[in-house]
Amino acid sequence: MGEMRKMEILQNSKIPVVFISYSWTNPEHEKWVYELAGRLREADGIDVKLDKWDLKEGHDKFAFMEKMVTSSEVDKVLVICDRGYQSKANNNKGGVGTEKLLITPEIMESVEQNKIIPIVSELDEDRMPYLPTFLKSRIYIDMSDAEKFEDSYESLVRSIENAPLYRKPPLGKRRIFSDQENTIFLKTGSVIHQMRRAAESDPRRLSVLASNFSDSFFEDLDQLRINYEDFDMHAPDEKIIEKLNISIPLRDNFIEAIKILSENEKIETDWLIDFFERVFAFTEFRGKGQSYDFQCDHYKFLIQESYLYVSAVLLKQAKYKILHELVSSSYMFEYNRGTLEGKFTDLMFHLSSLESRNERIGSKKISYTAFLLTERINASIISKQELLDADMILFYLSIMLDVSPDRGGWFPVTYIYRGYSQPIKLLSRIKSKRRAESILDLFGYASIGDLQSKISSYEHESGYRFNGTGNSIPYIKYYIKPEEIAVNP
C-alpha cells in the first residue's frame, strides 16, 4: 500500500521548474552556480532552467530571461546574490551587455512575490549579504557558509517543493514528503552528496565534512529509537526487525563515507574511535519510564555490523595500519553508570531478541545474528567473501594482539557461512614477500620473522564454536603455515 501511494504522488505531482538568475562575476562563481543547478536536477528531480544549457547561439538573452521570470510554467526564480550581482543590479546594468540575465526592479513588479527566492552566495566584510536594493526586504536563503550549506540547501529544496513540514525521501528520486512512522529523514544523505563533490573538486574539505557526517549520523540514528509501548510482547522481535530494515540506508551512508575518506587518504583512526565511542551510548535505554533489556538490540546489531563493514573496507583498501590502531586501541564507553574503558570486542553483542525470534518463527538458524549479517550484505559496497574474511581477521587479531583475553576475543559469528576449506584471501596473499611486508602493519610486527614466530605459536581455546555445531574455528595456521610466509617474490 505504501509503494502504491508513493507512485500515486509521483504521477500526480508536477515536476517543479526553476530559473536561475546570476551574475557572471568570475569563473569560480559561475562554477558554484552550475554545480548548484546540476545538483537540483540530478539529486532532487527539479527541472532547472540555466543559460549554460538552455541558451543557444542566436538567442536573445534578455527575452529568454524575461520569459523565464514571467512564465507560468516556471515555479520559482532563484536570484544568486553575490558582490557582482549587487553592484550591477544597483547600477542599473541588468539590461545591457553580457549581463542581460540579471533581474531588474521593473521585471520584479510583474511577478508574484513568492516566486522570487534570493540566494546569498557571498557576504561582505561585515558579514552582511550582498543583496540588490530591490531585494533588501526579501527573506533570503544564506548559502555562503560551507559548514551550514547542507541545511540551507535543504531549506531551498523544501521551498521549491512547497513542502516545509514533510520529510525527504531517499536520494536519487523526486522527493516524497511523508510523516509515516516507517519513514526516516536522513541528513547523512545530504552530507554524502557533498563529500562526493568534495572528493572530485577539493579533497581537503573532507576532514571537515567527516565531522559534519558524524553529527548528522547521530541525528539520523536517534530516529530509530523504540519506546516501551511500541512492542507487541507476543512478538517483540518484530519491532527490532522493522527498525533494522529501516536502518540499511543509514548503514550504507556510513560505509560510503568510510570509503570516500579512505580512498582520498582522509580516514583517521581518532575519528573512527570517537565515532564508535559516541554510538555506544545507544546500546542502553536513556529515557524515562519502563524499558526492556532488548529495547536497544537494533542499535547493538547496527554497531557490530558497522564495525565489521569498516574493517572490511579498510582491509580491501589496504589501510592496514589504521585497522591495527582501531583494534588495538582503548575506547572510553559511556554507560548509565559512568564512563568505562573498553576494547573493540565490546562492540560485539549477544542479541536476545534475535535469538528468541529464531525460536519463535522456527527458522532453526545456528545464529540469527549471523544470518542477518549475511542477508543484509550490500554487494555494491562489500562482497560476502570480503565480509566473512573481515570477521575472521578481527577474530585472529583479537587473539594475536591479546585484546580482552577475559572475553576470548572477537567471536566471528559468520564463520558458519564459510566453507571450512575456503581460504582467507589476505592470509593467502602473504605467501608473497612483497605483500607480506605490506601487511606487517596489520599485525603490528616489525619483520616477517616476527609474524612467522607469532603464527607458529598461535592458539586459541580448543573447540571455539557455536554450541551444537560440528566444526570449530580453525587456528590461523590452517589458512597460512608459518613456513609458507614470504616464500614467493
Protein backbone atom coordinates (compact mmCIF):
# COMPACT_ATOMS: atom_id res chain seq x y z
CA MET A 1 0.00 0.00 0.00
CA GLY A 2 2.86 2.38 0.86
CA GLU A 3 4.59 1.86 -2.50
CA MET A 4 1.31 2.40 -4.39
CA ARG A 5 0.79 5.66 -2.50
CA LYS A 6 4.32 6.84 -3.41
CA MET A 7 3.68 6.05 -7.10
CA GLU A 8 0.41 7.97 -6.97
CA ILE A 9 2.15 11.00 -5.50
CA LEU A 10 4.79 10.95 -8.23
CA GLN A 11 2.26 10.53 -11.04
CA ASN A 12 0.06 13.37 -9.84
CA SER A 13 2.84 15.83 -8.98
CA LYS A 14 4.05 18.47 -11.40
CA ILE A 15 7.82 18.50 -11.73
CA PRO A 16 8.99 21.82 -10.23
CA VAL A 17 10.60 24.21 -12.70
CA VAL A 18 13.02 26.92 -11.54
CA PHE A 19 15.06 29.55 -13.34
CA ILE A 20 18.41 30.78 -12.03
CA SER A 21 19.41 34.43 -12.46
CA TYR A 22 23.02 35.22 -11.63
CA SER A 23 25.96 37.42 -12.48
CA TRP A 24 28.99 36.18 -14.40
CA THR A 25 31.17 37.64 -11.65
CA ASN A 26 34.09 35.24 -12.10
CA PRO A 27 34.70 31.62 -13.21
CA GLU A 28 34.64 30.34 -9.62
CA HIS A 29 31.18 31.86 -9.03
CA GLU A 30 29.89 30.52 -12.34
CA LYS A 31 31.06 27.04 -11.33
CA TRP A 32 29.30 27.39 -7.95
CA VAL A 33 26.03 28.24 -9.71
CA TYR A 34 26.48 25.47 -12.26
CA GLU A 35 27.03 22.84 -9.54
CA LEU A 36 24.00 24.05 -7.59
CA ALA A 37 21.84 23.81 -10.70
CA GLY A 38 23.20 20.36 -11.52
CA ARG A 39 22.52 19.06 -8.03
CA LEU A 40 18.93 20.33 -8.04
CA ARG A 41 18.32 18.49 -11.31
CA GLU A 42 20.24 15.28 -10.67
CA ALA A 43 19.69 14.69 -6.98
CA ASP A 44 16.21 16.11 -6.47
CA GLY A 45 14.36 15.86 -9.76
CA ILE A 46 13.87 19.63 -10.13
CA ASP A 47 13.85 21.00 -13.68
CA VAL A 48 16.35 23.87 -13.69
CA LYS A 49 16.48 26.44 -16.47
CA LEU A 50 20.00 27.82 -16.79
CA ASP A 51 21.65 29.87 -19.50
CA LYS A 52 24.61 27.49 -19.76
CA TRP A 53 22.47 24.66 -21.05
CA ASP A 54 19.26 26.37 -22.27
CA LEU A 55 20.58 29.38 -24.22
CA LYS A 56 21.82 28.66 -27.74
CA GLU A 57 23.67 30.77 -30.29
CA GLY A 58 21.39 33.44 -31.75
CA HIS A 59 19.01 33.56 -28.78
CA ASP A 60 18.10 36.91 -27.21
CA LYS A 61 19.35 36.77 -23.60
CA PHE A 62 17.01 39.42 -22.26
CA ALA A 63 13.97 37.86 -23.95
CA PHE A 64 14.99 34.49 -22.54
CA MET A 65 15.34 35.91 -19.02
CA GLU A 66 12.05 37.83 -19.15
CA LYS A 67 10.22 34.76 -20.43
CA MET A 68 11.65 32.60 -17.65
CA VAL A 69 10.72 35.09 -14.94
CA THR A 70 7.18 35.79 -16.13
CA SER A 71 6.22 32.34 -17.48
CA SER A 72 3.50 30.50 -15.57
CA GLU A 73 5.41 27.29 -16.24
CA VAL A 74 8.32 28.45 -14.07
CA ASP A 75 7.50 27.93 -10.40
CA LYS A 76 10.44 29.70 -8.74
CA VAL A 77 13.16 32.15 -9.74
CA LEU A 78 16.42 31.81 -7.82
CA VAL A 79 18.38 35.06 -7.68
CA ILE A 80 22.00 34.29 -6.78
CA CYS A 81 23.23 37.33 -4.87
CA ASP A 82 26.95 38.00 -4.72
CA ARG A 83 29.14 41.10 -4.96
CA GLY A 84 28.85 41.21 -8.73
CA TYR A 85 25.07 40.85 -8.85
CA GLN A 86 24.53 43.59 -6.25
CA SER A 87 26.84 46.04 -8.00
CA LYS A 88 25.43 45.53 -11.47
CA ALA A 89 21.80 45.49 -10.36
CA ASN A 90 22.17 48.63 -8.21
CA ASN A 91 23.90 50.45 -11.07
CA ASN A 92 21.15 49.50 -13.49
CA LYS A 93 23.38 47.30 -15.62
CA GLY A 94 20.93 44.42 -15.64
CA GLY A 95 19.64 45.02 -19.15
CA VAL A 96 22.78 45.73 -21.16
CA GLY A 97 25.89 43.95 -22.39
CA THR A 98 26.60 40.43 -21.23
CA GLU A 99 24.56 40.83 -18.06
CA LYS A 100 21.12 40.65 -19.64
CA LEU A 101 20.26 37.71 -17.37
CA LEU A 102 20.01 39.91 -14.27
CA ILE A 103 16.55 40.74 -12.98
CA THR A 104 15.56 44.42 -12.85
CA PRO A 105 13.09 46.11 -10.48
CA GLU A 106 10.71 46.54 -13.44
CA ILE A 107 10.69 42.79 -14.07
CA MET A 108 10.18 42.17 -10.35
CA GLU A 109 6.94 44.14 -10.42
CA SER A 110 5.42 41.74 -12.95
CA VAL A 111 5.76 38.54 -10.91
CA GLU A 112 4.23 37.21 -7.72
CA GLN A 113 6.17 37.93 -4.55
CA ASN A 114 6.62 34.28 -3.53
CA LYS A 115 8.06 33.33 -6.91
CA ILE A 116 11.43 35.02 -6.24
CA ILE A 117 13.88 33.32 -3.84
CA PRO A 118 17.04 35.35 -3.13
CA ILE A 119 20.05 33.06 -2.58
CA VAL A 120 23.03 34.68 -0.86
CA SER A 121 26.29 33.10 -2.03
CA GLU A 122 28.66 35.71 -0.58
CA LEU A 123 28.85 38.07 2.43
CA ASP A 124 30.68 41.38 2.67
CA GLU A 125 33.42 42.29 5.14
CA ASP A 126 30.78 42.99 7.83
CA ARG A 127 29.15 39.59 7.28
CA MET A 128 26.19 41.24 5.57
CA PRO A 129 24.59 39.74 2.44
CA TYR A 130 25.20 41.26 -0.98
CA LEU A 131 21.53 41.98 -1.73
CA PRO A 132 20.44 44.37 -4.50
CA THR A 133 18.40 47.33 -3.24
CA PHE A 134 15.14 45.97 -4.69
CA LEU A 135 15.64 42.69 -2.76
CA LYS A 136 16.64 44.18 0.60
CA SER A 137 13.25 43.50 2.18
CA ARG A 138 13.00 39.93 0.88
CA ILE A 139 13.61 36.87 3.05
CA TYR A 140 16.64 35.11 1.64
CA ILE A 141 18.43 31.77 1.99
CA ASP A 142 22.06 32.12 3.06
CA MET A 143 24.24 29.55 1.26
CA SER A 144 27.54 31.37 1.79
CA ASP A 145 28.72 29.28 4.74
CA ALA A 146 30.18 25.90 3.68
CA GLU A 147 29.55 24.35 7.11
CA LYS A 148 25.84 25.30 7.01
CA PHE A 149 25.44 24.74 3.28
CA GLU A 150 23.52 21.47 3.59
CA ASP A 151 20.89 22.93 5.95
CA SER A 152 20.44 25.87 3.58
CA TYR A 153 20.22 23.55 0.59
CA GLU A 154 17.50 21.58 2.40
CA SER A 155 15.54 24.81 3.02
CA LEU A 156 15.88 25.72 -0.65
CA VAL A 157 14.53 22.39 -1.90
CA ARG A 158 11.64 22.46 0.55
CA SER A 159 10.78 25.99 -0.61
CA ILE A 160 10.80 24.87 -4.23
CA GLU A 161 8.67 21.81 -3.44
CA ASN A 162 6.32 23.82 -1.19
CA ALA A 163 6.73 21.13 1.45
CA PRO A 164 8.26 22.70 4.58
CA LEU A 165 6.70 20.29 7.06
CA TYR A 166 7.46 16.94 5.46
CA ARG A 167 10.39 14.57 5.33
CA LYS A 168 12.55 13.99 2.31
CA PRO A 169 12.71 10.54 0.67
CA PRO A 170 15.84 8.56 -0.28
CA LEU A 171 18.35 10.28 -2.57
CA GLY A 172 18.13 9.97 -6.31
CA LYS A 173 14.35 10.26 -6.75
CA ARG A 174 11.74 13.01 -6.65
CA ARG A 175 11.11 13.96 -3.07
CA ILE A 176 8.12 12.42 -1.34
CA PHE A 177 7.49 14.15 1.98
CA SER A 178 5.80 11.72 4.32
CA ASP A 179 5.01 11.58 8.00
CA GLN A 180 4.56 7.83 8.07
CA GLU A 181 6.11 6.08 11.05
CA ASN A 182 8.32 3.85 8.91
CA THR A 183 9.98 6.76 7.11
CA ILE A 184 13.07 8.49 8.47
CA PHE A 185 14.69 11.66 7.21
CA LEU A 186 18.40 11.04 6.57
CA LYS A 187 20.57 14.12 6.92
CA THR A 188 23.59 11.93 6.20
CA GLY A 189 22.46 11.56 2.58
CA SER A 190 22.99 15.27 2.01
CA VAL A 191 26.46 15.18 3.59
CA ILE A 192 27.41 12.17 1.45
CA HIS A 193 26.47 14.14 -1.65
CA GLN A 194 28.70 16.98 -0.52
CA MET A 195 31.54 14.55 0.25
CA ARG A 196 31.32 13.10 -3.27
CA ARG A 197 31.66 16.55 -4.77
CA ALA A 198 34.49 17.49 -2.43
CA ALA A 199 36.35 14.30 -3.38
CA GLU A 200 36.23 15.42 -7.01
CA SER A 201 36.99 19.12 -6.58
CA ASP A 202 38.61 19.79 -3.19
CA PRO A 203 39.53 16.70 -1.06
CA ARG A 204 40.91 18.97 1.66
CA ARG A 205 37.32 19.68 2.72
CA LEU A 206 36.70 16.02 3.53
CA SER A 207 38.11 16.28 7.06
CA VAL A 208 35.56 18.95 7.97
CA LEU A 209 32.79 17.03 6.21
CA ALA A 210 33.70 13.90 8.18
CA SER A 211 32.86 15.77 11.37
CA ASN A 212 29.62 17.02 9.84
CA PHE A 213 28.76 13.47 8.81
CA SER A 214 29.20 12.16 12.37
CA ASP A 215 26.85 14.79 13.78
CA SER A 216 24.26 14.08 11.10
CA PHE A 217 24.58 10.33 11.62
CA PHE A 218 23.67 10.57 15.29
CA GLU A 219 20.70 12.77 14.50
CA ASP A 220 19.53 10.17 11.98
CA LEU A 221 20.20 7.33 14.40
CA ASP A 222 18.07 8.95 17.08
CA GLN A 223 15.02 8.49 14.84
CA LEU A 224 15.32 4.71 15.25
CA ARG A 225 14.58 4.75 18.99
CA ILE A 226 11.87 2.36 20.19
CA ASN A 227 9.55 3.20 23.07
CA TYR A 228 8.41 0.69 25.66
CA GLU A 229 4.81 0.83 24.43
CA ASP A 230 5.85 0.15 20.82
CA PHE A 231 6.48 -3.54 21.47
CA ASP A 232 3.98 -6.33 20.90
CA MET A 233 5.03 -8.69 23.67
CA HIS A 234 3.73 -11.68 21.71
CA ALA A 235 6.36 -10.88 19.06
CA PRO A 236 8.72 -8.19 20.41
CA ASP A 237 11.38 -9.09 17.85
CA GLU A 238 9.18 -7.73 15.03
CA LYS A 239 9.80 -4.14 16.11
CA ILE A 240 13.56 -4.80 16.25
CA ILE A 241 13.49 -6.25 12.73
CA GLU A 242 11.39 -3.34 11.47
CA LYS A 243 13.93 -0.81 12.74
CA LEU A 244 16.83 -2.83 11.34
CA ASN A 245 15.21 -2.84 7.91
CA ILE A 246 14.81 0.94 8.06
CA SER A 247 18.44 1.34 9.16
CA ILE A 248 20.00 -0.12 5.99
CA PRO A 249 20.24 3.21 4.06
CA LEU A 250 21.83 4.83 7.14
CA ARG A 251 24.37 2.00 7.41
CA ASP A 252 25.17 2.32 3.71
CA ASN A 253 25.67 6.08 4.05
CA PHE A 254 28.14 5.45 6.86
CA ILE A 255 30.11 2.89 4.86
CA GLU A 256 30.15 5.14 1.80
CA ALA A 257 31.58 7.91 3.99
CA ILE A 258 34.30 5.49 5.13
CA LYS A 259 35.08 4.56 1.52
CA ILE A 260 35.27 8.18 0.37
CA LEU A 261 37.57 9.18 3.24
CA SER A 262 39.75 6.12 2.80
CA GLU A 263 40.07 6.45 -0.98
CA ASN A 264 41.16 10.07 -0.55
CA GLU A 265 43.66 9.37 2.27
CA LYS A 266 41.49 11.28 4.78
CA ILE A 267 40.47 8.42 7.05
CA GLU A 268 41.68 8.96 10.63
CA THR A 269 41.85 6.45 13.47
CA ASP A 270 40.82 9.02 16.09
CA TRP A 271 37.70 9.92 14.07
CA LEU A 272 36.69 6.25 13.90
CA ILE A 273 37.33 5.66 17.60
CA ASP A 274 35.35 8.77 18.51
CA PHE A 275 32.50 7.57 16.29
CA PHE A 276 32.23 4.16 17.97
CA GLU A 277 32.58 5.68 21.42
CA ARG A 278 29.67 8.00 20.70
CA VAL A 279 27.49 5.38 19.07
CA PHE A 280 27.93 3.06 22.06
CA ALA A 281 25.64 5.33 24.08
CA PHE A 282 22.73 3.98 22.03
CA THR A 283 23.17 0.48 23.48
CA GLU A 284 21.41 1.47 26.70
CA PHE A 285 17.97 2.97 27.22
CA ARG A 286 18.45 6.60 28.29
CA GLY A 287 14.87 7.80 28.64
CA LYS A 288 12.41 7.82 31.50
CA GLY A 289 9.93 5.12 32.46
CA GLN A 290 9.95 1.40 31.79
CA SER A 291 12.24 -0.38 29.38
CA TYR A 292 13.08 -3.89 28.20
CA ASP A 293 16.52 -5.50 28.22
CA PHE A 294 16.31 -5.97 24.45
CA GLN A 295 14.98 -2.49 23.68
CA CYS A 296 18.26 -1.38 22.09
CA ASP A 297 19.08 -4.62 20.26
CA HIS A 298 18.67 -2.98 16.85
CA TYR A 299 21.31 -0.40 17.80
CA LYS A 300 23.65 -3.13 19.08
CA PHE A 301 23.30 -5.09 15.85
CA LEU A 302 23.92 -1.98 13.74
CA ILE A 303 27.06 -1.13 15.75
CA GLN A 304 28.52 -4.63 15.37
CA GLU A 305 27.62 -4.68 11.68
CA SER A 306 29.14 -1.24 11.10
CA TYR A 307 32.42 -2.22 12.76
CA LEU A 308 32.59 -5.31 10.59
CA TYR A 309 31.94 -3.28 7.43
CA VAL A 310 34.55 -0.67 8.40
CA SER A 311 37.11 -3.43 8.90
CA ALA A 312 36.22 -4.99 5.54
CA VAL A 313 36.62 -1.64 3.75
CA LEU A 314 39.97 -0.93 5.43
CA LEU A 315 41.23 -4.40 4.51
CA LYS A 316 40.02 -4.03 0.93
CA GLN A 317 41.80 -0.69 0.57
CA ALA A 318 44.96 -1.92 2.32
CA LYS A 319 44.67 0.54 5.23
CA TYR A 320 46.39 -1.99 7.46
CA LYS A 321 47.96 0.42 9.92
CA ILE A 322 44.64 2.16 10.58
CA LEU A 323 42.84 -1.14 11.20
CA HIS A 324 45.63 -2.24 13.55
CA GLU A 325 45.26 1.00 15.52
CA LEU A 326 41.49 0.61 15.54
CA VAL A 327 41.54 -2.89 17.05
CA SER A 328 44.44 -2.34 19.45
CA SER A 329 43.23 0.98 20.90
CA SER A 330 41.22 1.50 24.05
CA TYR A 331 37.75 3.03 23.88
CA MET A 332 36.06 5.16 26.50
CA PHE A 333 32.44 3.97 26.53
CA GLU A 334 29.68 5.84 28.32
CA TYR A 335 27.32 3.67 30.35
CA ASN A 336 24.44 4.77 32.54
CA ARG A 337 26.71 4.14 35.49
CA GLY A 338 29.59 6.19 34.09
CA THR A 339 32.47 6.08 31.60
CA LEU A 340 34.43 2.83 31.38
CA GLU A 341 37.46 1.82 29.35
CA GLY A 342 36.87 -0.96 26.84
CA LYS A 343 38.12 -2.63 23.68
CA PHE A 344 36.69 -3.18 20.22
CA THR A 345 35.41 -6.57 21.36
CA ASP A 346 32.86 -4.66 23.47
CA LEU A 347 31.18 -3.75 20.18
CA MET A 348 30.03 -7.35 19.74
CA PHE A 349 26.79 -8.31 21.48
CA HIS A 350 24.50 -11.22 22.32
CA LEU A 351 21.10 -10.15 20.99
CA SER A 352 18.37 -11.95 22.93
CA SER A 353 15.55 -10.55 20.78
CA LEU A 354 17.01 -12.02 17.59
CA GLU A 355 17.71 -15.42 19.12
CA SER A 356 14.17 -15.54 20.56
CA ARG A 357 12.90 -14.70 17.07
CA ASN A 358 14.91 -17.62 15.76
CA GLU A 359 12.90 -19.89 18.03
CA ARG A 360 9.57 -18.10 17.64
CA ILE A 361 9.42 -18.31 13.85
CA GLY A 362 11.07 -21.75 13.75
CA SER A 363 13.93 -20.67 11.46
CA LYS A 364 16.42 -23.01 13.17
CA LYS A 365 19.42 -20.83 12.35
CA ILE A 366 22.60 -21.57 14.26
CA SER A 367 22.82 -17.81 14.87
CA TYR A 368 20.11 -15.41 13.76
CA THR A 369 22.59 -12.54 14.14
CA ALA A 370 24.97 -14.22 11.68
CA PHE A 371 22.07 -14.95 9.35
CA LEU A 372 21.03 -11.27 9.30
CA LEU A 373 24.59 -10.06 8.77
CA THR A 374 24.88 -12.16 5.62
CA GLU A 375 21.34 -11.44 4.41
CA ARG A 376 21.87 -7.66 4.65
CA ILE A 377 25.15 -7.56 2.72
CA ASN A 378 25.29 -4.74 0.18
CA ALA A 379 27.37 -6.31 -2.56
CA SER A 380 27.94 -2.94 -4.21
CA ILE A 381 29.99 -1.95 -1.16
CA ILE A 382 31.47 -5.21 0.13
CA SER A 383 31.17 -8.78 -1.16
CA LYS A 384 30.09 -11.67 1.04
CA GLN A 385 33.61 -13.14 0.83
CA GLU A 386 35.15 -9.85 1.99
CA LEU A 387 32.74 -9.57 4.92
CA LEU A 388 33.30 -13.17 6.05
CA ASP A 389 37.07 -12.70 5.74
CA ALA A 390 36.96 -9.49 7.78
CA ASP A 391 35.07 -11.26 10.57
CA MET A 392 37.77 -13.93 10.76
CA ILE A 393 40.62 -11.41 10.59
CA LEU A 394 39.10 -9.47 13.51
CA PHE A 395 38.99 -12.70 15.48
CA TYR A 396 42.63 -13.59 14.77
CA LEU A 397 43.79 -10.03 15.50
CA SER A 398 41.96 -10.03 18.84
CA ILE A 399 43.81 -13.22 19.83
CA MET A 400 47.23 -12.30 18.44
CA LEU A 401 47.12 -8.82 19.99
CA ASP A 402 45.73 -10.24 23.25
CA VAL A 403 42.70 -7.94 23.16
CA SER A 404 40.30 -8.60 26.09
CA PRO A 405 41.59 -12.14 26.86
CA ASP A 406 38.92 -12.49 29.55
CA ARG A 407 36.26 -12.39 26.83
CA GLY A 408 38.05 -14.72 24.43
CA GLY A 409 38.44 -12.12 21.71
CA TRP A 410 36.11 -11.14 18.89
CA PHE A 411 33.83 -14.09 18.10
CA PRO A 412 33.40 -14.34 14.27
CA VAL A 413 29.70 -15.23 14.18
CA THR A 414 29.64 -15.50 10.38
CA TYR A 415 32.26 -18.30 10.27
CA ILE A 416 29.39 -20.79 9.93
CA TYR A 417 28.65 -19.35 6.47
CA ARG A 418 32.08 -20.04 5.04
CA GLY A 419 33.27 -23.40 3.76
CA TYR A 420 35.74 -24.98 6.13
CA SER A 421 38.35 -25.16 3.38
CA GLN A 422 37.51 -21.73 1.95
CA PRO A 423 40.73 -19.62 2.07
CA ILE A 424 41.05 -16.18 3.62
CA LYS A 425 42.38 -14.12 0.74
CA LEU A 426 44.50 -11.75 2.79
CA LEU A 427 46.28 -14.63 4.55
CA SER A 428 46.85 -16.43 1.26
CA ARG A 429 48.50 -13.31 -0.14
CA ILE A 430 51.26 -13.22 2.47
CA LYS A 431 52.90 -16.14 0.72
CA SER A 432 54.29 -13.27 -1.38
CA LYS A 433 57.20 -11.46 0.30
CA ARG A 434 56.13 -8.14 -1.18
CA ARG A 435 52.62 -8.50 0.17
CA ALA A 436 53.74 -9.90 3.49
CA GLU A 437 55.89 -6.82 4.08
CA SER A 438 52.96 -4.50 3.32
CA ILE A 439 50.64 -6.45 5.63
CA LEU A 440 53.01 -6.40 8.65
CA ASP A 441 51.36 -3.14 9.80
CA LEU A 442 48.07 -5.01 10.25
CA PHE A 443 49.56 -7.28 12.89
CA GLY A 444 51.91 -4.67 14.33
CA TYR A 445 55.11 -6.61 13.75
CA ALA A 446 58.44 -5.22 12.61
CA SER A 447 59.60 -8.14 10.50
CA ILE A 448 58.40 -11.18 8.61
CA GLY A 449 60.27 -13.30 11.13
CA ASP A 450 58.19 -11.84 13.98
CA LEU A 451 54.99 -12.64 12.06
CA GLN A 452 56.14 -16.21 11.37
CA SER A 453 57.01 -16.70 15.03
CA LYS A 454 53.63 -15.39 16.25
CA ILE A 455 51.64 -17.55 13.82
CA SER A 456 53.76 -20.55 14.74
CA SER A 457 52.91 -20.14 18.44
CA TYR A 458 49.31 -19.07 17.83
CA GLU A 459 46.50 -20.89 19.59
CA HIS A 460 43.04 -20.14 20.89
CA GLU A 461 40.65 -22.02 23.12
CA SER A 462 40.10 -25.52 21.82
CA GLY A 463 36.63 -26.18 20.45
CA TYR A 464 35.82 -22.50 19.92
CA ARG A 465 32.47 -22.72 18.12
CA PHE A 466 28.72 -22.35 18.39
CA ASN A 467 27.06 -24.93 20.61
CA GLY A 468 25.66 -27.82 18.65
CA THR A 469 27.88 -27.33 15.60
CA GLY A 470 30.50 -29.75 14.35
CA ASN A 471 33.34 -27.61 13.05
CA SER A 472 35.17 -25.30 15.43
CA ILE A 473 37.01 -22.16 14.32
CA PRO A 474 40.35 -23.19 12.77
CA TYR A 475 43.70 -21.96 14.04
CA ILE A 476 45.25 -19.33 11.78
CA LYS A 477 47.86 -21.91 10.75
CA TYR A 478 45.09 -23.71 8.87
CA TYR A 479 44.94 -20.79 6.42
CA ILE A 480 48.64 -19.85 6.30
CA LYS A 481 51.51 -22.00 7.53
CA PRO A 482 54.45 -20.05 9.04
CA GLU A 483 56.92 -21.63 6.63
CA GLU A 484 54.81 -20.50 3.66
CA ILE A 485 55.04 -16.81 4.53
CA ALA A 486 57.12 -14.77 2.05
CA VAL A 487 58.27 -17.81 0.06
CA ASN A 488 57.30 -16.12 -3.22
CA PRO A 489 58.53 -12.77 -4.57
